[in-house]
């Protein structure tokens, strides 16, 4: 079995194990027992259409922690030269791309509380900087999101395996927002989020421990509030 396949299976196994553990955790009201194993610092740029009336695309940058980055280096360094060449980096990017497809690439996009369908990014780009893995990609909604009502945009891992953190509010940006809209970065308090959603969380995990997306209530997100059309 190739290293790429092993990494993909490893991620899947961890997703199932951690989701199941989360179910037991929420049932016992012990949220502190669920811990991510991979950490990444993120940047998200929300790109508007030329007329500034809709969201055109999302540009993501994830910088992973040293431990996970070194693991990736060891698993994908086929020629054992302690670095990743272009082909090896492409293998990393392709593996991440395929592994995250079923999780919507960790994207949270809603309008007035309803999920916005996102087209899969055509590809990802992997690189290393200061011994840290960096993943970049751009995605688009299947149809542009009109700037109307309440729009939430963020990043989260539904399996709790990866913690993707925006270290500062200015790591989530949108340029050229019209005067009919306001913006703010929302950072939910985990204890409050669990208390407010306790029954829904428990039911969701027990009904489908690998398919729930309730962890999005913990996600840091950009909230846009725009005047309704008309």
C-alpha atoms as a PDB file:
ATOM      1  CA  UNK A   1       0.000   0.000   0.000  1.00  0.00           C
ATOM      2  CA  UNK A   2       1.356   3.417  -0.937  1.00  0.00           C
ATOM      3  CA  UNK A   3       2.163   6.089   1.628  1.00  0.00           C
ATOM      4  CA  UNK A   4      -0.602   8.238   0.143  1.00  0.00           C
ATOM      5  CA  UNK A   5      -3.154   5.476   0.738  1.00  0.00           C
ATOM      6  CA  UNK A   6      -1.876   4.910   4.248  1.00  0.00           C
ATOM      7  CA  UNK A   7      -2.208   8.588   5.098  1.00  0.00           C
ATOM      8  CA  UNK A   8      -5.735   8.696   3.678  1.00  0.00           C
ATOM      9  CA  UNK A   9      -6.777   5.612   5.661  1.00  0.00           C
ATOM     10  CA  UNK A  10      -5.125   7.009   8.776  1.00  0.00           C
ATOM     11  CA  UNK A  11      -7.127  10.232   8.493  1.00  0.00           C
ATOM     12  CA  UNK A  12     -10.344   8.291   7.979  1.00  0.00           C
ATOM     13  CA  UNK A  13      -9.727   6.021  10.976  1.00  0.00           C
ATOM     14  CA  UNK A  14      -8.928   8.984  13.177  1.00  0.00           C
ATOM     15  CA  UNK A  15     -12.084  10.754  12.022  1.00  0.00           C
ATOM     16  CA  UNK A  16     -14.252   7.797  13.034  1.00  0.00           C
ATOM     17  CA  UNK A  17     -12.484   7.258  16.361  1.00  0.00           C
ATOM     18  CA  UNK A  18     -12.584  10.906  17.342  1.00  0.00           C
ATOM     19  CA  UNK A  19     -16.189  11.384  16.303  1.00  0.00           C
ATOM     20  CA  UNK A  20     -17.176   8.354  18.388  1.00  0.00           C
ATOM     21  CA  UNK A  21     -15.178   9.679  21.318  1.00  0.00           C
ATOM     22  CA  UNK A  22     -16.899  13.022  20.913  1.00  0.00           C
ATOM     23  CA  UNK A  23     -20.289  11.326  21.154  1.00  0.00           C
ATOM     24  CA  UNK A  24     -19.400   9.806  24.506  1.00  0.00           C
ATOM     25  CA  UNK A  25     -17.867  13.073  25.612  1.00  0.00           C
ATOM     26  CA  UNK A  26     -20.920  15.163  24.884  1.00  0.00           C
ATOM     27  CA  UNK A  27     -23.195  12.562  26.476  1.00  0.00           C
ATOM     28  CA  UNK A  28     -21.176  12.885  29.657  1.00  0.00           C
ATOM     29  CA  UNK A  29     -20.951  16.684  29.341  1.00  0.00           C
ATOM     30  CA  UNK A  30     -17.162  16.472  29.336  1.00  0.00           C
ATOM     31  CA  UNK A  31     -16.095  18.562  26.314  1.00  0.00           C
ATOM     32  CA  UNK A  32     -12.551  18.959  27.538  1.00  0.00           C
ATOM     33  CA  UNK A  33     -11.843  15.305  26.694  1.00  0.00           C
ATOM     34  CA  UNK A  34     -11.972  15.934  22.922  1.00  0.00           C
ATOM     35  CA  UNK A  35      -8.659  17.184  21.616  1.00  0.00           C
ATOM     36  CA  UNK A  36      -7.405  17.897  18.113  1.00  0.00           C
ATOM     37  CA  UNK A  37      -4.235  16.128  16.990  1.00  0.00           C
ATOM     38  CA  UNK A  38      -3.229  18.388  14.115  1.00  0.00           C
ATOM     39  CA  UNK A  39      -2.965  22.164  14.333  1.00  0.00           C
ATOM     40  CA  UNK A  40      -2.901  24.764  11.589  1.00  0.00           C
ATOM     41  CA  UNK A  41      -2.839  28.542  11.456  1.00  0.00           C
ATOM     42  CA  UNK A  42      -5.148  29.820   8.758  1.00  0.00           C
ATOM     43  CA  UNK A  43      -5.797  32.799   6.534  1.00  0.00           C
ATOM     44  CA  UNK A  44      -9.022  33.245   4.582  1.00  0.00           C
ATOM     45  CA  UNK A  45      -9.589  35.932   1.952  1.00  0.00           C
ATOM     46  CA  UNK A  46     -13.169  36.390   0.791  1.00  0.00           C
ATOM     47  CA  UNK A  47     -13.135  37.600  -2.820  1.00  0.00           C
ATOM     48  CA  UNK A  48     -16.075  39.627  -4.103  1.00  0.00           C
ATOM     49  CA  UNK A  49     -17.326  39.896  -7.675  1.00  0.00           C
ATOM     50  CA  UNK A  50     -16.123  42.890  -9.746  1.00  0.00           C
ATOM     51  CA  UNK A  51     -19.358  44.753  -8.982  1.00  0.00           C
ATOM     52  CA  UNK A  52     -18.977  43.996  -5.241  1.00  0.00           C
ATOM     53  CA  UNK A  53     -22.486  42.554  -5.048  1.00  0.00           C
ATOM     54  CA  UNK A  54     -21.697  38.895  -4.386  1.00  0.00           C
ATOM     55  CA  UNK A  55     -19.084  36.519  -2.984  1.00  0.00           C
ATOM     56  CA  UNK A  56     -17.098  35.091  -5.899  1.00  0.00           C
ATOM     57  CA  UNK A  57     -14.530  32.830  -4.205  1.00  0.00           C
ATOM     58  CA  UNK A  58     -12.673  31.911  -1.018  1.00  0.00           C
ATOM     59  CA  UNK A  59      -8.875  31.805  -0.861  1.00  0.00           C
ATOM     60  CA  UNK A  60      -7.470  29.570   1.883  1.00  0.00           C
ATOM     61  CA  UNK A  61      -3.994  29.268   3.363  1.00  0.00           C
ATOM     62  CA  UNK A  62      -3.266  26.711   6.100  1.00  0.00           C
ATOM     63  CA  UNK A  63       0.130  26.522   7.857  1.00  0.00           C
ATOM     64  CA  UNK A  64       0.448  23.233   9.759  1.00  0.00           C
ATOM     65  CA  UNK A  65       2.264  22.555  13.008  1.00  0.00           C
ATOM     66  CA  UNK A  66       5.833  21.243  13.105  1.00  0.00           C
ATOM     67  CA  UNK A  67       4.953  17.715  14.210  1.00  0.00           C
ATOM     68  CA  UNK A  68       2.392  17.064  11.492  1.00  0.00           C
ATOM     69  CA  UNK A  69       4.640  18.730   8.920  1.00  0.00           C
ATOM     70  CA  UNK A  70       7.553  16.473   9.820  1.00  0.00           C
ATOM     71  CA  UNK A  71       5.277  13.433   9.558  1.00  0.00           C
ATOM     72  CA  UNK A  72       4.229  14.473   6.065  1.00  0.00           C
ATOM     73  CA  UNK A  73       7.850  15.031   5.107  1.00  0.00           C
ATOM     74  CA  UNK A  74       8.863  11.551   6.234  1.00  0.00           C
ATOM     75  CA  UNK A  75       5.933   9.846   4.505  1.00  0.00           C
ATOM     76  CA  UNK A  76       6.222  11.616   1.151  1.00  0.00           C
ATOM     77  CA  UNK A  77      10.023  11.949   0.842  1.00  0.00           C
ATOM     78  CA  UNK A  78      10.345   9.131  -1.677  1.00  0.00           C
ATOM     79  CA  UNK A  79      14.022   9.702  -2.478  1.00  0.00           C
ATOM     80  CA  UNK A  80      15.035  10.204   1.180  1.00  0.00           C
ATOM     81  CA  UNK A  81      16.790  13.525   0.624  1.00  0.00           C
ATOM     82  CA  UNK A  82      15.033  15.153   3.603  1.00  0.00           C
ATOM     83  CA  UNK A  83      13.059  17.547   1.445  1.00  0.00           C
ATOM     84  CA  UNK A  84      10.081  17.395  -0.877  1.00  0.00           C
ATOM     85  CA  UNK A  85      10.589  18.073  -4.562  1.00  0.00           C
ATOM     86  CA  UNK A  86       7.838  19.298  -6.880  1.00  0.00           C
ATOM     87  CA  UNK A  87       6.466  15.824  -7.586  1.00  0.00           C
ATOM     88  CA  UNK A  88       6.430  14.918  -3.900  1.00  0.00           C
ATOM     89  CA  UNK A  89       4.687  18.181  -3.020  1.00  0.00           C
ATOM     90  CA  UNK A  90       2.097  17.501  -5.691  1.00  0.00           C
ATOM     91  CA  UNK A  91       1.491  14.074  -4.135  1.00  0.00           C
ATOM     92  CA  UNK A  92       0.904  15.779  -0.764  1.00  0.00           C
ATOM     93  CA  UNK A  93      -1.504  18.295  -2.284  1.00  0.00           C
ATOM     94  CA  UNK A  94      -3.392  15.618  -4.209  1.00  0.00           C
ATOM     95  CA  UNK A  95      -3.718  13.457  -1.090  1.00  0.00           C
ATOM     96  CA  UNK A  96      -5.061  16.312   1.013  1.00  0.00           C
ATOM     97  CA  UNK A  97      -7.407  17.265  -1.831  1.00  0.00           C
ATOM     98  CA  UNK A  98      -8.919  13.789  -2.090  1.00  0.00           C
ATOM     99  CA  UNK A  99      -8.963  13.172   1.678  1.00  0.00           C
ATOM    100  CA  UNK A 100     -10.952  16.322   2.457  1.00  0.00           C
ATOM    101  CA  UNK A 101     -13.486  16.027  -0.350  1.00  0.00           C
ATOM    102  CA  UNK A 102     -16.072  14.295   1.842  1.00  0.00           C
ATOM    103  CA  UNK A 103     -15.668  17.045   4.454  1.00  0.00           C
ATOM    104  CA  UNK A 104     -16.319  19.923   2.014  1.00  0.00           C
ATOM    105  CA  UNK A 105     -12.658  20.929   2.450  1.00  0.00           C
ATOM    106  CA  UNK A 106     -13.410  22.036   6.025  1.00  0.00           C
ATOM    107  CA  UNK A 107     -15.439  24.991   4.744  1.00  0.00           C
ATOM    108  CA  UNK A 108     -18.400  26.544   6.518  1.00  0.00           C
ATOM    109  CA  UNK A 109     -20.528  28.718   4.237  1.00  0.00           C
ATOM    110  CA  UNK A 110     -24.133  29.581   5.062  1.00  0.00           C
ATOM    111  CA  UNK A 111     -26.625  32.235   4.028  1.00  0.00           C
ATOM    112  CA  UNK A 112     -29.502  32.974   6.375  1.00  0.00           C
ATOM    113  CA  UNK A 113     -28.722  29.737   8.191  1.00  0.00           C
ATOM    114  CA  UNK A 114     -28.749  27.484   5.118  1.00  0.00           C
ATOM    115  CA  UNK A 115     -25.670  25.741   3.754  1.00  0.00           C
ATOM    116  CA  UNK A 116     -24.322  27.215   0.527  1.00  0.00           C
ATOM    117  CA  UNK A 117     -23.228  24.520  -1.974  1.00  0.00           C
ATOM    118  CA  UNK A 118     -19.532  24.884  -2.791  1.00  0.00           C
ATOM    119  CA  UNK A 119     -17.808  23.541  -5.888  1.00  0.00           C
ATOM    120  CA  UNK A 120     -14.738  21.387  -5.108  1.00  0.00           C
ATOM    121  CA  UNK A 121     -11.505  23.331  -5.577  1.00  0.00           C
ATOM    122  CA  UNK A 122      -9.876  22.190  -8.833  1.00  0.00           C
ATOM    123  CA  UNK A 123      -6.577  21.543  -7.057  1.00  0.00           C
ATOM    124  CA  UNK A 124      -4.449  22.406  -4.048  1.00  0.00           C
ATOM    125  CA  UNK A 125      -0.883  23.627  -3.795  1.00  0.00           C
ATOM    126  CA  UNK A 126       1.538  22.351  -1.135  1.00  0.00           C
ATOM    127  CA  UNK A 127       4.799  23.949  -0.079  1.00  0.00           C
ATOM    128  CA  UNK A 128       7.174  24.017   2.897  1.00  0.00           C
ATOM    129  CA  UNK A 129       8.289  27.151   4.700  1.00  0.00           C
ATOM    130  CA  UNK A 130      10.446  27.067   7.843  1.00  0.00           C
ATOM    131  CA  UNK A 131       9.822  23.299   8.022  1.00  0.00           C
ATOM    132  CA  UNK A 132       6.066  23.793   8.089  1.00  0.00           C
ATOM    133  CA  UNK A 133       3.633  22.426   5.527  1.00  0.00           C
ATOM    134  CA  UNK A 134       1.512  25.059   3.798  1.00  0.00           C
ATOM    135  CA  UNK A 135      -1.623  24.240   1.840  1.00  0.00           C
ATOM    136  CA  UNK A 136      -3.239  26.790  -0.459  1.00  0.00           C
ATOM    137  CA  UNK A 137      -6.432  26.522  -2.472  1.00  0.00           C
ATOM    138  CA  UNK A 138      -9.266  28.593  -3.859  1.00  0.00           C
ATOM    139  CA  UNK A 139     -12.894  27.493  -3.958  1.00  0.00           C
ATOM    140  CA  UNK A 140     -16.063  28.966  -5.373  1.00  0.00           C
ATOM    141  CA  UNK A 141     -19.750  28.690  -4.501  1.00  0.00           C
ATOM    142  CA  UNK A 142     -21.657  26.804  -7.169  1.00  0.00           C
ATOM    143  CA  UNK A 143     -23.482  30.070  -7.787  1.00  0.00           C
ATOM    144  CA  UNK A 144     -22.211  33.462  -6.559  1.00  0.00           C
ATOM    145  CA  UNK A 145     -23.547  34.375  -3.118  1.00  0.00           C
ATOM    146  CA  UNK A 146     -25.544  37.589  -3.352  1.00  0.00           C
ATOM    147  CA  UNK A 147     -24.680  40.005  -0.561  1.00  0.00           C
ATOM    148  CA  UNK A 148     -28.080  39.842   1.091  1.00  0.00           C
ATOM    149  CA  UNK A 149     -29.081  38.836   4.595  1.00  0.00           C
ATOM    150  CA  UNK A 150     -26.678  37.052   6.966  1.00  0.00           C
ATOM    151  CA  UNK A 151     -23.698  35.210   5.474  1.00  0.00           C
ATOM    152  CA  UNK A 152     -21.291  33.145   7.598  1.00  0.00           C
ATOM    153  CA  UNK A 153     -17.940  31.986   6.221  1.00  0.00           C
ATOM    154  CA  UNK A 154     -15.389  29.979   8.179  1.00  0.00           C
ATOM    155  CA  UNK A 155     -13.340  26.810   8.481  1.00  0.00           C
ATOM    156  CA  UNK A 156     -13.853  23.784  10.741  1.00  0.00           C
ATOM    157  CA  UNK A 157     -13.080  20.062  10.896  1.00  0.00           C
ATOM    158  CA  UNK A 158     -16.244  18.039  11.626  1.00  0.00           C
ATOM    159  CA  UNK A 159     -14.143  15.182  13.049  1.00  0.00           C
ATOM    160  CA  UNK A 160     -12.394  17.389  15.658  1.00  0.00           C
ATOM    161  CA  UNK A 161      -9.097  15.909  14.444  1.00  0.00           C
ATOM    162  CA  UNK A 162      -7.672  19.158  13.076  1.00  0.00           C
ATOM    163  CA  UNK A 163      -7.775  22.540  14.794  1.00  0.00           C
ATOM    164  CA  UNK A 164      -7.629  25.306  12.202  1.00  0.00           C
ATOM    165  CA  UNK A 165      -7.122  28.609  13.956  1.00  0.00           C
ATOM    166  CA  UNK A 166      -7.227  32.223  12.846  1.00  0.00           C
ATOM    167  CA  UNK A 167      -4.728  33.723  15.268  1.00  0.00           C
ATOM    168  CA  UNK A 168      -5.922  37.285  14.636  1.00  0.00           C
ATOM    169  CA  UNK A 169      -9.148  38.718  13.310  1.00  0.00           C
ATOM    170  CA  UNK A 170      -7.270  40.251  10.387  1.00  0.00           C
ATOM    171  CA  UNK A 171      -6.516  36.717   9.129  1.00  0.00           C
ATOM    172  CA  UNK A 172     -10.094  36.674   7.764  1.00  0.00           C
ATOM    173  CA  UNK A 173     -10.512  39.452   5.219  1.00  0.00           C
ATOM    174  CA  UNK A 174     -12.974  40.815   2.691  1.00  0.00           C
ATOM    175  CA  UNK A 175     -12.101  43.826   0.566  1.00  0.00           C
ATOM    176  CA  UNK A 176     -14.539  46.229  -1.087  1.00  0.00           C
ATOM    177  CA  UNK A 177     -17.572  45.379   1.026  1.00  0.00           C
ATOM    178  CA  UNK A 178     -20.434  47.747   0.046  1.00  0.00           C
ATOM    179  CA  UNK A 179     -21.883  50.198   2.553  1.00  0.00           C
ATOM    180  CA  UNK A 180     -25.078  48.108   2.753  1.00  0.00           C
ATOM    181  CA  UNK A 181     -23.086  45.403   4.597  1.00  0.00           C
ATOM    182  CA  UNK A 182     -21.333  45.133   7.933  1.00  0.00           C
ATOM    183  CA  UNK A 183     -18.736  42.551   8.913  1.00  0.00           C
ATOM    184  CA  UNK A 184     -17.390  41.039  12.108  1.00  0.00           C
ATOM    185  CA  UNK A 185     -15.290  38.058  13.147  1.00  0.00           C
ATOM    186  CA  UNK A 186     -17.170  35.716  15.485  1.00  0.00           C
ATOM    187  CA  UNK A 187     -15.246  33.498  17.898  1.00  0.00           C
ATOM    188  CA  UNK A 188     -17.756  31.268  19.749  1.00  0.00           C
ATOM    189  CA  UNK A 189     -17.085  30.436  23.379  1.00  0.00           C
ATOM    190  CA  UNK A 190     -16.878  26.595  23.487  1.00  0.00           C
ATOM    191  CA  UNK A 191     -18.617  26.244  26.856  1.00  0.00           C
ATOM    192  CA  UNK A 192     -21.468  28.504  25.798  1.00  0.00           C
ATOM    193  CA  UNK A 193     -21.793  26.750  22.429  1.00  0.00           C
ATOM    194  CA  UNK A 194     -22.022  23.332  24.114  1.00  0.00           C
ATOM    195  CA  UNK A 195     -24.494  24.538  26.730  1.00  0.00           C
ATOM    196  CA  UNK A 196     -26.745  26.082  24.080  1.00  0.00           C
ATOM    197  CA  UNK A 197     -26.614  23.013  21.811  1.00  0.00           C
ATOM    198  CA  UNK A 198     -26.220  20.133  24.291  1.00  0.00           C
ATOM    199  CA  UNK A 199     -29.179  18.003  23.197  1.00  0.00           C
ATOM    200  CA  UNK A 200     -28.604  18.584  19.484  1.00  0.00           C
ATOM    201  CA  UNK A 201     -24.929  17.691  19.809  1.00  0.00           C
ATOM    202  CA  UNK A 202     -25.580  14.482  21.721  1.00  0.00           C
ATOM    203  CA  UNK A 203     -28.353  13.342  19.379  1.00  0.00           C
ATOM    204  CA  UNK A 204     -26.309  14.160  16.293  1.00  0.00           C
ATOM    205  CA  UNK A 205     -23.253  12.192  17.380  1.00  0.00           C
ATOM    206  CA  UNK A 206     -25.208   9.138  18.483  1.00  0.00           C
ATOM    207  CA  UNK A 207     -27.325   9.108  15.328  1.00  0.00           C
ATOM    208  CA  UNK A 208     -24.332   9.406  12.989  1.00  0.00           C
ATOM    209  CA  UNK A 209     -20.937   9.808  14.709  1.00  0.00           C
ATOM    210  CA  UNK A 210     -19.048  10.105  11.413  1.00  0.00           C
ATOM    211  CA  UNK A 211     -21.460  12.284   9.476  1.00  0.00           C
ATOM    212  CA  UNK A 212     -22.472  15.107  11.780  1.00  0.00           C
ATOM    213  CA  UNK A 213     -21.272  18.638  11.165  1.00  0.00           C
ATOM    214  CA  UNK A 214     -22.266  20.062  14.539  1.00  0.00           C
ATOM    215  CA  UNK A 215     -18.667  21.001  15.329  1.00  0.00           C
ATOM    216  CA  UNK A 216     -19.233  24.042  13.117  1.00  0.00           C
ATOM    217  CA  UNK A 217     -20.791  25.755  16.161  1.00  0.00           C
ATOM    218  CA  UNK A 218     -17.208  26.097  17.494  1.00  0.00           C
ATOM    219  CA  UNK A 219     -15.805  27.562  14.277  1.00  0.00           C
ATOM    220  CA  UNK A 220     -14.339  31.030  14.043  1.00  0.00           C
ATOM    221  CA  UNK A 221     -16.102  32.719  11.162  1.00  0.00           C
ATOM    222  CA  UNK A 222     -16.612  35.939   9.285  1.00  0.00           C
ATOM    223  CA  UNK A 223     -20.183  37.155   9.640  1.00  0.00           C
ATOM    224  CA  UNK A 224     -21.551  39.496   6.967  1.00  0.00           C
ATOM    225  CA  UNK A 225     -24.860  41.232   7.514  1.00  0.00           C
ATOM    226  CA  UNK A 226     -26.244  42.911   4.395  1.00  0.00           C
ATOM    227  CA  UNK A 227     -29.478  44.682   3.584  1.00  0.00           C
ATOM    228  CA  UNK A 228     -31.921  42.339   1.835  1.00  0.00           C
ATOM    229  CA  UNK A 229     -32.359  42.683  -1.918  1.00  0.00           C
ATOM    230  CA  UNK A 230     -35.061  45.049  -3.028  1.00  0.00           C
END
